[in-house]
Amino acid sequence: MFLLLAGASFASAQIGASPANDVLGAHLNYGRGCAGCHAPHSGAWGNGANKSGDNTAGDYALWGQDAGNLYSKTLNFGDGGKYAETLPASLTAGTSETSGLLLCLTCHDGNYAQGAMMKNAVYETLPSTYGTYDTPPTLLGKDGNGTGVYLNDHPVGAEATMGCGGQYNWDCTISGASVLMNGPNSSRFVNNYGFFVSPGSNAAGAPIVVCTTCHNQHLMNVVKVSNNPVTFPVVNGVATPTLPAKGTATGLPSGYYATMFFIRAPYNPADGNTATNQTAQFCRQCHGGEANESNNGQAGTVF
């Protein structure tokens, strides 16, 4: 009976997030809505944002923000700038870095991309425990650390490859551009939280981190979770992790969960529970060496 009640409490507390505000959140673009990014006619020209004169504006995803001044620029991300990313030369390059990085920077760069309508202040209300101020910058290349400096931003791009094994990674397997969480520890983590990230791929076909690996630009405050757990059939006397045939792998109950910052997984530091570890769990999807499961810990996901 106690276990049943505990399960019901979890379900009522976590499943059924029903945002009162539009799920696009900040990407309503001050009332412009979808057309702020996807201009149905004339691309960035139609939005009055084509400051570079890019003649391919709108040729991919009906993109209506100015990308021209970002083409072929080299940006050095994180850890002393050792993650150097040369951006695609056009919107029609057809790579993960185009859709998952270049398009994001047309609004969030603030340095080369001068046509964007960003106001450089976070849209959401943050918990009082989140630093001293509640308006962290949303421009990456002009955030107070010097114009064009990306050294304080998480590595993304062709050099930011995702790996398995080693001190900081999961006991997983790389298969092309996919990360298979099929080791004993990583599969336990999937059942305790999930694997919601969406890797891109570089020219070598390896999985990489891009902006959309962690962020779903169309859903700011809610994420749909479908229970799709790892199974452990016994093969020759050994319980062997078997991943779901397709879809996001997670052992969480199905439903709608609260999130923030367009994170594509349950991630809610503003829920008022100071004991929650759901934000740490999100980071551990890639940084498995620091996870409970890799360190003989028994804690699951605390909401």
C-alpha atoms as a PDB file:
ATOM      1  CA  MET A   1       0.000   0.000   0.000  1.00  0.00           C
ATOM      2  CA  PHE A   2       2.831   2.414   0.871  1.00  0.00           C
ATOM      3  CA  LEU A   3       4.508   1.810  -2.486  1.00  0.00           C
ATOM      4  CA  LEU A   4       1.244   2.400  -4.299  1.00  0.00           C
ATOM      5  CA  LEU A   5       0.693   5.689  -2.491  1.00  0.00           C
ATOM      6  CA  ALA A   6       4.275   6.775  -3.165  1.00  0.00           C
ATOM      7  CA  GLY A   7       3.793   6.082  -6.864  1.00  0.00           C
ATOM      8  CA  ALA A   8       0.540   8.025  -6.908  1.00  0.00           C
ATOM      9  CA  SER A   9       2.227  10.964  -5.159  1.00  0.00           C
ATOM     10  CA  PHE A  10       4.987  11.008  -7.773  1.00  0.00           C
ATOM     11  CA  ALA A  11       2.470  10.917 -10.581  1.00  0.00           C
ATOM     12  CA  SER A  12       0.310  13.700  -9.194  1.00  0.00           C
ATOM     13  CA  ALA A  13       3.320  15.898  -8.463  1.00  0.00           C
ATOM     14  CA  GLN A  14       5.172  15.425 -11.747  1.00  0.00           C
ATOM     15  CA  ILE A  15       2.853  14.346 -14.512  1.00  0.00           C
ATOM     16  CA  GLY A  16       0.299  16.703 -15.949  1.00  0.00           C
ATOM     17  CA  ALA A  17       2.268  19.951 -16.227  1.00  0.00           C
ATOM     18  CA  SER A  18      -0.172  22.339 -17.877  1.00  0.00           C
ATOM     19  CA  PRO A  19       1.500  25.669 -18.715  1.00  0.00           C
ATOM     20  CA  ALA A  20      -0.723  28.748 -18.527  1.00  0.00           C
ATOM     21  CA  ASN A  21       1.588  30.634 -20.894  1.00  0.00           C
ATOM     22  CA  ASP A  22       2.132  29.752 -24.534  1.00  0.00           C
ATOM     23  CA  VAL A  23       4.599  26.880 -24.889  1.00  0.00           C
ATOM     24  CA  LEU A  24       6.718  28.953 -27.301  1.00  0.00           C
ATOM     25  CA  GLY A  25       7.499  31.260 -24.402  1.00  0.00           C
ATOM     26  CA  ALA A  26      10.295  33.673 -25.278  1.00  0.00           C
ATOM     27  CA  HIS A  27      10.199  32.466 -28.870  1.00  0.00           C
ATOM     28  CA  LEU A  28       6.897  34.212 -29.347  1.00  0.00           C
ATOM     29  CA  ASN A  29       9.323  37.012 -30.261  1.00  0.00           C
ATOM     30  CA  TYR A  30       7.376  39.813 -28.581  1.00  0.00           C
ATOM     31  CA  GLY A  31       4.174  38.831 -30.330  1.00  0.00           C
ATOM     32  CA  ARG A  32       5.633  38.079 -33.732  1.00  0.00           C
ATOM     33  CA  GLY A  33       5.228  34.352 -33.127  1.00  0.00           C
ATOM     34  CA  CYS A  34       6.571  31.799 -35.584  1.00  0.00           C
ATOM     35  CA  ALA A  35       7.147  34.450 -38.252  1.00  0.00           C
ATOM     36  CA  GLY A  36       9.844  36.017 -36.077  1.00  0.00           C
ATOM     37  CA  CYS A  37      12.129  33.168 -37.137  1.00  0.00           C
ATOM     38  CA  HIS A  38      10.324  31.492 -40.029  1.00  0.00           C
ATOM     39  CA  ALA A  39       9.346  34.247 -42.445  1.00  0.00           C
ATOM     40  CA  PRO A  40       6.737  32.851 -44.844  1.00  0.00           C
ATOM     41  CA  HIS A  41       7.843  35.203 -47.604  1.00  0.00           C
ATOM     42  CA  SER A  42      11.180  36.844 -48.491  1.00  0.00           C
ATOM     43  CA  GLY A  43      13.240  35.446 -45.599  1.00  0.00           C
ATOM     44  CA  ALA A  44      15.200  37.975 -43.550  1.00  0.00           C
ATOM     45  CA  TRP A  45      14.339  40.625 -46.142  1.00  0.00           C
ATOM     46  CA  GLY A  46      10.683  40.220 -45.183  1.00  0.00           C
ATOM     47  CA  ASN A  47      11.495  40.700 -41.503  1.00  0.00           C
ATOM     48  CA  GLY A  48      13.591  43.798 -42.173  1.00  0.00           C
ATOM     49  CA  ALA A  49      16.493  41.940 -40.561  1.00  0.00           C
ATOM     50  CA  ASN A  50      18.817  41.326 -43.511  1.00  0.00           C
ATOM     51  CA  LYS A  51      21.621  43.650 -42.477  1.00  0.00           C
ATOM     52  CA  SER A  52      24.272  41.616 -44.321  1.00  0.00           C
ATOM     53  CA  GLY A  53      22.489  41.446 -47.683  1.00  0.00           C
ATOM     54  CA  ASP A  54      22.539  37.641 -47.641  1.00  0.00           C
ATOM     55  CA  ASN A  55      20.961  36.517 -50.925  1.00  0.00           C
ATOM     56  CA  THR A  56      20.092  33.062 -49.553  1.00  0.00           C
ATOM     57  CA  ALA A  57      17.852  34.456 -46.791  1.00  0.00           C
ATOM     58  CA  GLY A  58      14.855  32.203 -46.351  1.00  0.00           C
ATOM     59  CA  ASP A  59      16.213  29.444 -48.605  1.00  0.00           C
ATOM     60  CA  TYR A  60      16.352  27.002 -45.662  1.00  0.00           C
ATOM     61  CA  ALA A  61      13.520  26.535 -43.127  1.00  0.00           C
ATOM     62  CA  LEU A  62      12.073  29.835 -44.395  1.00  0.00           C
ATOM     63  CA  TRP A  63      14.607  31.395 -42.051  1.00  0.00           C
ATOM     64  CA  GLY A  64      13.843  35.041 -41.408  1.00  0.00           C
ATOM     65  CA  GLN A  65      16.841  36.145 -39.341  1.00  0.00           C
ATOM     66  CA  ASP A  66      20.111  37.446 -40.770  1.00  0.00           C
ATOM     67  CA  ALA A  67      22.777  34.734 -41.055  1.00  0.00           C
ATOM     68  CA  GLY A  68      25.077  36.341 -43.611  1.00  0.00           C
ATOM     69  CA  ASN A  69      27.657  37.838 -41.259  1.00  0.00           C
ATOM     70  CA  LEU A  70      28.078  34.489 -39.477  1.00  0.00           C
ATOM     71  CA  TYR A  71      29.004  32.453 -42.545  1.00  0.00           C
ATOM     72  CA  SER A  72      32.420  30.746 -42.280  1.00  0.00           C
ATOM     73  CA  LYS A  73      33.267  32.529 -39.033  1.00  0.00           C
ATOM     74  CA  THR A  74      35.424  30.535 -36.597  1.00  0.00           C
ATOM     75  CA  LEU A  75      34.293  30.621 -32.966  1.00  0.00           C
ATOM     76  CA  ASN A  76      36.309  29.132 -30.129  1.00  0.00           C
ATOM     77  CA  PHE A  77      34.151  27.533 -27.436  1.00  0.00           C
ATOM     78  CA  GLY A  78      34.886  26.459 -23.853  1.00  0.00           C
ATOM     79  CA  ASP A  79      37.992  25.241 -21.989  1.00  0.00           C
ATOM     80  CA  GLY A  80      40.450  27.798 -23.275  1.00  0.00           C
ATOM     81  CA  GLY A  81      38.868  27.844 -26.719  1.00  0.00           C
ATOM     82  CA  LYS A  82      40.094  24.393 -27.737  1.00  0.00           C
ATOM     83  CA  TYR A  83      36.719  23.631 -29.327  1.00  0.00           C
ATOM     84  CA  ALA A  84      37.032  25.632 -32.540  1.00  0.00           C
ATOM     85  CA  GLU A  85      33.965  25.679 -34.760  1.00  0.00           C
ATOM     86  CA  THR A  86      33.962  27.066 -38.291  1.00  0.00           C
ATOM     87  CA  LEU A  87      30.356  27.852 -39.106  1.00  0.00           C
ATOM     88  CA  PRO A  88      28.782  26.726 -42.399  1.00  0.00           C
ATOM     89  CA  ALA A  89      29.272  28.947 -45.424  1.00  0.00           C
ATOM     90  CA  SER A  90      25.566  29.203 -46.211  1.00  0.00           C
ATOM     91  CA  LEU A  91      22.107  28.327 -44.938  1.00  0.00           C
ATOM     92  CA  THR A  92      21.923  25.594 -47.541  1.00  0.00           C
ATOM     93  CA  ALA A  93      25.036  23.702 -46.342  1.00  0.00           C
ATOM     94  CA  GLY A  94      22.799  20.856 -45.171  1.00  0.00           C
ATOM     95  CA  THR A  95      24.723  19.955 -42.011  1.00  0.00           C
ATOM     96  CA  SER A  96      23.815  19.501 -38.356  1.00  0.00           C
ATOM     97  CA  GLU A  97      25.799  22.631 -37.635  1.00  0.00           C
ATOM     98  CA  THR A  98      23.486  24.619 -39.915  1.00  0.00           C
ATOM     99  CA  SER A  99      20.215  23.620 -38.325  1.00  0.00           C
ATOM    100  CA  GLY A 100      21.512  23.037 -34.805  1.00  0.00           C
ATOM    101  CA  LEU A 101      23.979  25.895 -34.358  1.00  0.00           C
ATOM    102  CA  LEU A 102      24.092  28.529 -37.100  1.00  0.00           C
ATOM    103  CA  LEU A 103      20.343  29.204 -37.021  1.00  0.00           C
ATOM    104  CA  CYS A 104      20.444  29.598 -33.232  1.00  0.00           C
ATOM    105  CA  LEU A 105      23.282  32.106 -33.416  1.00  0.00           C
ATOM    106  CA  THR A 106      21.411  34.311 -35.880  1.00  0.00           C
ATOM    107  CA  CYS A 107      19.455  35.457 -32.810  1.00  0.00           C
ATOM    108  CA  HIS A 108      21.703  34.528 -29.899  1.00  0.00           C
ATOM    109  CA  ASP A 109      25.119  35.710 -31.105  1.00  0.00           C
ATOM    110  CA  GLY A 110      24.779  39.458 -30.522  1.00  0.00           C
ATOM    111  CA  ASN A 111      28.117  40.151 -32.156  1.00  0.00           C
ATOM    112  CA  TYR A 112      28.120  39.328 -35.880  1.00  0.00           C
ATOM    113  CA  ALA A 113      24.357  38.795 -36.092  1.00  0.00           C
ATOM    114  CA  GLN A 114      23.206  42.377 -35.713  1.00  0.00           C
ATOM    115  CA  GLY A 115      19.790  41.998 -37.315  1.00  0.00           C
ATOM    116  CA  ALA A 116      18.199  39.990 -34.519  1.00  0.00           C
ATOM    117  CA  MET A 117      15.471  41.381 -32.268  1.00  0.00           C
ATOM    118  CA  MET A 118      16.883  40.009 -29.004  1.00  0.00           C
ATOM    119  CA  LYS A 119      16.795  42.100 -25.820  1.00  0.00           C
ATOM    120  CA  ASN A 120      19.442  39.987 -24.042  1.00  0.00           C
ATOM    121  CA  ALA A 121      17.490  39.235 -20.870  1.00  0.00           C
ATOM    122  CA  VAL A 122      16.187  35.878 -19.763  1.00  0.00           C
ATOM    123  CA  TYR A 123      12.436  35.518 -20.278  1.00  0.00           C
ATOM    124  CA  GLU A 124      11.646  33.211 -17.375  1.00  0.00           C
ATOM    125  CA  THR A 125      11.390  33.968 -13.680  1.00  0.00           C
ATOM    126  CA  LEU A 126      14.224  32.240 -11.857  1.00  0.00           C
ATOM    127  CA  PRO A 127      14.243  30.877  -8.301  1.00  0.00           C
ATOM    128  CA  SER A 128      15.836  33.124  -5.682  1.00  0.00           C
ATOM    129  CA  THR A 129      18.652  30.597  -5.295  1.00  0.00           C
ATOM    130  CA  TYR A 130      19.801  31.097  -8.879  1.00  0.00           C
ATOM    131  CA  GLY A 131      22.733  33.471  -8.447  1.00  0.00           C
ATOM    132  CA  THR A 132      22.343  37.086  -7.388  1.00  0.00           C
ATOM    133  CA  TYR A 133      20.467  38.519 -10.326  1.00  0.00           C
ATOM    134  CA  ASP A 134      17.528  37.278 -12.341  1.00  0.00           C
ATOM    135  CA  THR A 135      18.443  38.546 -15.809  1.00  0.00           C
ATOM    136  CA  PRO A 136      21.387  36.462 -17.059  1.00  0.00           C
ATOM    137  CA  PRO A 137      22.316  37.354 -20.642  1.00  0.00           C
ATOM    138  CA  THR A 138      20.920  35.447 -23.609  1.00  0.00           C
ATOM    139  CA  LEU A 139      23.452  36.723 -26.146  1.00  0.00           C
ATOM    140  CA  LEU A 140      26.507  34.465 -26.318  1.00  0.00           C
ATOM    141  CA  GLY A 141      28.972  36.553 -28.305  1.00  0.00           C
ATOM    142  CA  LYS A 142      28.224  39.777 -26.437  1.00  0.00           C
ATOM    143  CA  ASP A 143      27.566  38.801 -22.839  1.00  0.00           C
ATOM    144  CA  GLY A 144      29.891  41.060 -20.841  1.00  0.00           C
ATOM    145  CA  ASN A 145      32.996  38.929 -21.331  1.00  0.00           C
ATOM    146  CA  GLY A 146      34.187  40.832 -24.373  1.00  0.00           C
ATOM    147  CA  THR A 147      32.661  41.053 -27.834  1.00  0.00           C
ATOM    148  CA  GLY A 148      32.890  37.799 -29.764  1.00  0.00           C
ATOM    149  CA  VAL A 149      34.179  35.738 -26.844  1.00  0.00           C
ATOM    150  CA  TYR A 150      32.698  32.241 -26.566  1.00  0.00           C
ATOM    151  CA  LEU A 151      35.210  30.833 -24.086  1.00  0.00           C
ATOM    152  CA  ASN A 152      32.589  30.737 -21.304  1.00  0.00           C
ATOM    153  CA  ASP A 153      30.050  28.806 -23.384  1.00  0.00           C
ATOM    154  CA  HIS A 154      29.548  25.056 -23.447  1.00  0.00           C
ATOM    155  CA  PRO A 155      31.481  23.442 -26.317  1.00  0.00           C
ATOM    156  CA  VAL A 156      29.419  22.874 -29.453  1.00  0.00           C
ATOM    157  CA  GLY A 157      30.236  22.091 -33.046  1.00  0.00           C
ATOM    158  CA  ALA A 158      32.322  19.627 -35.022  1.00  0.00           C
ATOM    159  CA  GLU A 159      34.990  19.263 -32.326  1.00  0.00           C
ATOM    160  CA  ALA A 160      32.535  18.750 -29.457  1.00  0.00           C
ATOM    161  CA  THR A 161      32.211  15.017 -30.020  1.00  0.00           C
ATOM    162  CA  MET A 162      30.313  12.757 -27.663  1.00  0.00           C
ATOM    163  CA  GLY A 163      32.189   9.715 -26.387  1.00  0.00           C
ATOM    164  CA  CYS A 164      31.898   6.559 -24.332  1.00  0.00           C
ATOM    165  CA  GLY A 165      34.243   5.058 -21.768  1.00  0.00           C
ATOM    166  CA  GLY A 166      36.900   6.896 -19.812  1.00  0.00           C
ATOM    167  CA  GLN A 167      36.735   8.792 -16.547  1.00  0.00           C
ATOM    168  CA  TYR A 168      33.953  11.233 -17.428  1.00  0.00           C
ATOM    169  CA  ASN A 169      31.808   9.260 -19.858  1.00  0.00           C
ATOM    170  CA  TRP A 170      29.198   6.542 -19.718  1.00  0.00           C
ATOM    171  CA  ASP A 171      29.728   2.856 -20.359  1.00  0.00           C
ATOM    172  CA  CYS A 172      27.910   3.282 -23.655  1.00  0.00           C
ATOM    173  CA  THR A 173      28.485   2.536 -27.346  1.00  0.00           C
ATOM    174  CA  ILE A 174      28.876   4.909 -30.288  1.00  0.00           C
ATOM    175  CA  SER A 175      27.060   3.734 -33.405  1.00  0.00           C
ATOM    176  CA  GLY A 176      27.470   6.235 -36.213  1.00  0.00           C
ATOM    177  CA  ALA A 177      25.990   9.496 -34.945  1.00  0.00           C
ATOM    178  CA  SER A 178      24.056   7.737 -32.158  1.00  0.00           C
ATOM    179  CA  VAL A 179      24.970   7.145 -28.531  1.00  0.00           C
ATOM    180  CA  LEU A 180      23.627   3.812 -27.287  1.00  0.00           C
ATOM    181  CA  MET A 181      23.201   3.777 -23.515  1.00  0.00           C
ATOM    182  CA  ASN A 182      23.617   0.016 -23.309  1.00  0.00           C
ATOM    183  CA  GLY A 183      26.126  -0.495 -20.497  1.00  0.00           C
ATOM    184  CA  PRO A 184      25.114  -1.625 -17.007  1.00  0.00           C
ATOM    185  CA  ASN A 185      25.448   1.878 -15.496  1.00  0.00           C
ATOM    186  CA  SER A 186      24.147   3.925 -18.425  1.00  0.00           C
ATOM    187  CA  SER A 187      21.103   1.697 -18.849  1.00  0.00           C
ATOM    188  CA  ARG A 188      20.267   2.059 -15.156  1.00  0.00           C
ATOM    189  CA  PHE A 189      20.498   5.820 -15.581  1.00  0.00           C
ATOM    190  CA  VAL A 190      18.113   5.693 -18.520  1.00  0.00           C
ATOM    191  CA  ASN A 191      15.549   3.968 -16.347  1.00  0.00           C
ATOM    192  CA  ASN A 192      16.145   6.436 -13.490  1.00  0.00           C
ATOM    193  CA  TYR A 193      15.939   9.544 -15.683  1.00  0.00           C
ATOM    194  CA  GLY A 194      16.238   9.054 -19.421  1.00  0.00           C
ATOM    195  CA  PHE A 195      18.252   9.953 -22.497  1.00  0.00           C
ATOM    196  CA  PHE A 196      16.510  12.923 -24.084  1.00  0.00           C
ATOM    197  CA  VAL A 197      19.421  14.650 -25.835  1.00  0.00           C
ATOM    198  CA  SER A 198      19.572  14.811 -29.634  1.00  0.00           C
ATOM    199  CA  PRO A 199      23.144  14.685 -30.985  1.00  0.00           C
ATOM    200  CA  GLY A 200      24.137  16.220 -34.282  1.00  0.00           C
ATOM    201  CA  SER A 201      26.825  14.754 -36.531  1.00  0.00           C
ATOM    202  CA  ASN A 202      30.066  16.121 -37.955  1.00  0.00           C
ATOM    203  CA  ALA A 203      31.683  15.453 -41.339  1.00  0.00           C
ATOM    204  CA  ALA A 204      33.099  12.179 -40.026  1.00  0.00           C
ATOM    205  CA  GLY A 205      29.624  11.019 -38.987  1.00  0.00           C
ATOM    206  CA  ALA A 206      30.404  11.149 -35.265  1.00  0.00           C
ATOM    207  CA  PRO A 207      27.855  12.411 -32.708  1.00  0.00           C
ATOM    208  CA  ILE A 208      28.444  16.014 -31.657  1.00  0.00           C
ATOM    209  CA  VAL A 209      26.888  18.575 -29.347  1.00  0.00           C
ATOM    210  CA  VAL A 210      25.004  21.398 -31.025  1.00  0.00           C
ATOM    211  CA  CYS A 211      22.512  23.828 -29.520  1.00  0.00           C
ATOM    212  CA  THR A 212      19.553  21.607 -30.328  1.00  0.00           C
ATOM    213  CA  THR A 213      21.186  18.643 -28.617  1.00  0.00           C
ATOM    214  CA  CYS A 214      19.996  20.106 -25.319  1.00  0.00           C
ATOM    215  CA  HIS A 215      17.314  22.588 -26.411  1.00  0.00           C
ATOM    216  CA  ASN A 216      13.988  22.176 -28.207  1.00  0.00           C
ATOM    217  CA  GLN A 217      13.430  25.659 -29.569  1.00  0.00           C
ATOM    218  CA  HIS A 218       9.667  25.169 -29.913  1.00  0.00           C
ATOM    219  CA  LEU A 219       8.796  24.179 -26.318  1.00  0.00           C
ATOM    220  CA  MET A 220      10.065  26.449 -23.554  1.00  0.00           C
ATOM    221  CA  ASN A 221       8.205  25.288 -20.455  1.00  0.00           C
ATOM    222  CA  VAL A 222       6.931  21.742 -20.977  1.00  0.00           C
ATOM    223  CA  VAL A 223       8.219  18.429 -22.289  1.00  0.00           C
ATOM    224  CA  LYS A 224       6.281  15.312 -23.265  1.00  0.00           C
ATOM    225  CA  VAL A 225       7.719  12.126 -21.796  1.00  0.00           C
ATOM    226  CA  SER A 226       6.821   8.671 -23.107  1.00  0.00           C
ATOM    227  CA  ASN A 227       7.758   5.736 -20.903  1.00  0.00           C
ATOM    228  CA  ASN A 228      10.156   3.646 -22.971  1.00  0.00           C
ATOM    229  CA  PRO A 229      12.484   1.883 -20.503  1.00  0.00           C
ATOM    230  CA  VAL A 230      15.500  -0.335 -20.957  1.00  0.00           C
ATOM    231  CA  THR A 231      14.757  -4.011 -20.380  1.00  0.00           C
ATOM    232  CA  PHE A 232      17.108  -6.519 -18.818  1.00  0.00           C
ATOM    233  CA  PRO A 233      16.409  -9.955 -20.290  1.00  0.00           C
ATOM    234  CA  VAL A 234      18.532 -12.779 -18.896  1.00  0.00           C
ATOM    235  CA  VAL A 235      20.843 -14.164 -21.571  1.00  0.00           C
ATOM    236  CA  ASN A 236      22.986 -17.139 -20.600  1.00  0.00           C
ATOM    237  CA  GLY A 237      22.326 -16.360 -16.983  1.00  0.00           C
ATOM    238  CA  VAL A 238      23.301 -12.668 -17.293  1.00  0.00           C
ATOM    239  CA  ALA A 239      20.861  -9.730 -17.224  1.00  0.00           C
ATOM    240  CA  THR A 240      21.712  -7.910 -20.464  1.00  0.00           C
ATOM    241  CA  PRO A 241      20.467  -4.354 -21.100  1.00  0.00           C
ATOM    242  CA  THR A 242      18.334  -4.065 -24.229  1.00  0.00           C
ATOM    243  CA  LEU A 243      17.437  -0.605 -25.533  1.00  0.00           C
ATOM    244  CA  PRO A 244      13.988   0.290 -26.885  1.00  0.00           C
ATOM    245  CA  ALA A 245      13.634  -0.254 -30.609  1.00  0.00           C
ATOM    246  CA  LYS A 246      13.145   3.462 -31.226  1.00  0.00           C
ATOM    247  CA  GLY A 247      12.243   6.721 -29.560  1.00  0.00           C
ATOM    248  CA  THR A 248      13.557   8.448 -26.462  1.00  0.00           C
ATOM    249  CA  ALA A 249      14.613   5.980 -23.789  1.00  0.00           C
ATOM    250  CA  THR A 250      13.327   6.682 -20.271  1.00  0.00           C
ATOM    251  CA  GLY A 251      11.908   4.850 -17.321  1.00  0.00           C
ATOM    252  CA  LEU A 252       9.935   7.870 -16.104  1.00  0.00           C
ATOM    253  CA  PRO A 253       6.139   7.612 -16.135  1.00  0.00           C
ATOM    254  CA  SER A 254       4.562   8.975 -19.305  1.00  0.00           C
ATOM    255  CA  GLY A 255       3.097  12.472 -19.203  1.00  0.00           C
ATOM    256  CA  TYR A 256       3.873  16.175 -19.500  1.00  0.00           C
ATOM    257  CA  TYR A 257       6.673  17.473 -17.274  1.00  0.00           C
ATOM    258  CA  ALA A 258       7.715  21.029 -16.463  1.00  0.00           C
ATOM    259  CA  THR A 259      10.977  22.307 -17.907  1.00  0.00           C
ATOM    260  CA  MET A 260      12.750  25.667 -18.386  1.00  0.00           C
ATOM    261  CA  PHE A 261      15.004  27.365 -20.929  1.00  0.00           C
ATOM    262  CA  PHE A 262      13.711  25.181 -23.769  1.00  0.00           C
ATOM    263  CA  ILE A 263      15.521  22.174 -22.254  1.00  0.00           C
ATOM    264  CA  ARG A 264      14.287  19.004 -23.978  1.00  0.00           C
ATOM    265  CA  ALA A 265      13.840  16.996 -20.746  1.00  0.00           C
ATOM    266  CA  PRO A 266      12.410  17.412 -17.228  1.00  0.00           C
ATOM    267  CA  TYR A 267      14.457  20.330 -15.872  1.00  0.00           C
ATOM    268  CA  ASN A 268      12.840  22.594 -13.321  1.00  0.00           C
ATOM    269  CA  PRO A 269      14.966  24.385 -10.695  1.00  0.00           C
ATOM    270  CA  ALA A 270      11.996  26.659  -9.971  1.00  0.00           C
ATOM    271  CA  ASP A 271       9.729  23.939  -8.571  1.00  0.00           C
ATOM    272  CA  GLY A 272      10.502  24.911  -4.965  1.00  0.00           C
ATOM    273  CA  ASN A 273      12.060  21.592  -3.943  1.00  0.00           C
ATOM    274  CA  THR A 274      15.620  22.268  -2.809  1.00  0.00           C
ATOM    275  CA  ALA A 275      16.353  18.520  -2.710  1.00  0.00           C
ATOM    276  CA  THR A 276      15.622  17.961  -6.402  1.00  0.00           C
ATOM    277  CA  ASN A 277      18.403  16.598  -8.590  1.00  0.00           C
ATOM    278  CA  GLN A 278      16.602  16.773 -11.924  1.00  0.00           C
ATOM    279  CA  THR A 279      18.851  19.533 -13.294  1.00  0.00           C
ATOM    280  CA  ALA A 280      21.939  17.502 -12.396  1.00  0.00           C
ATOM    281  CA  GLN A 281      20.355  14.473 -14.025  1.00  0.00           C
ATOM    282  CA  PHE A 282      19.985  16.394 -17.260  1.00  0.00           C
ATOM    283  CA  CYS A 283      23.719  17.167 -17.363  1.00  0.00           C
ATOM    284  CA  ARG A 284      24.566  13.573 -16.505  1.00  0.00           C
ATOM    285  CA  GLN A 285      23.062  12.375 -19.765  1.00  0.00           C
ATOM    286  CA  CYS A 286      26.434  13.187 -21.298  1.00  0.00           C
ATOM    287  CA  HIS A 287      28.642  13.514 -18.210  1.00  0.00           C
ATOM    288  CA  GLY A 288      28.081   9.996 -16.950  1.00  0.00           C
ATOM    289  CA  GLY A 289      31.254   9.644 -14.920  1.00  0.00           C
ATOM    290  CA  GLU A 290      29.784  11.886 -12.240  1.00  0.00           C
ATOM    291  CA  ALA A 291      26.405  10.154 -12.086  1.00  0.00           C
ATOM    292  CA  ASN A 292      25.060   8.155  -9.156  1.00  0.00           C
ATOM    293  CA  GLU A 293      25.010   4.966 -11.200  1.00  0.00           C
ATOM    294  CA  SER A 294      28.737   5.274 -12.012  1.00  0.00           C
ATOM    295  CA  ASN A 295      29.675   5.758  -8.376  1.00  0.00           C
ATOM    296  CA  ASN A 296      27.750   2.987  -6.616  1.00  0.00           C
ATOM    297  CA  GLY A 297      24.999   5.458  -5.711  1.00  0.00           C
ATOM    298  CA  GLN A 298      21.424   4.276  -5.345  1.00  0.00           C
ATOM    299  CA  ALA A 299      19.583   7.598  -5.777  1.00  0.00           C
ATOM    300  CA  GLY A 300      17.257   7.883  -8.756  1.00  0.00           C
ATOM    301  CA  THR A 301      15.673  11.113  -9.923  1.00  0.00           C
ATOM    302  CA  VAL A 302      14.334  13.307  -7.138  1.00  0.00           C
ATOM    303  CA  PHE A 303      11.614  15.696  -8.208  1.00  0.00           C
END
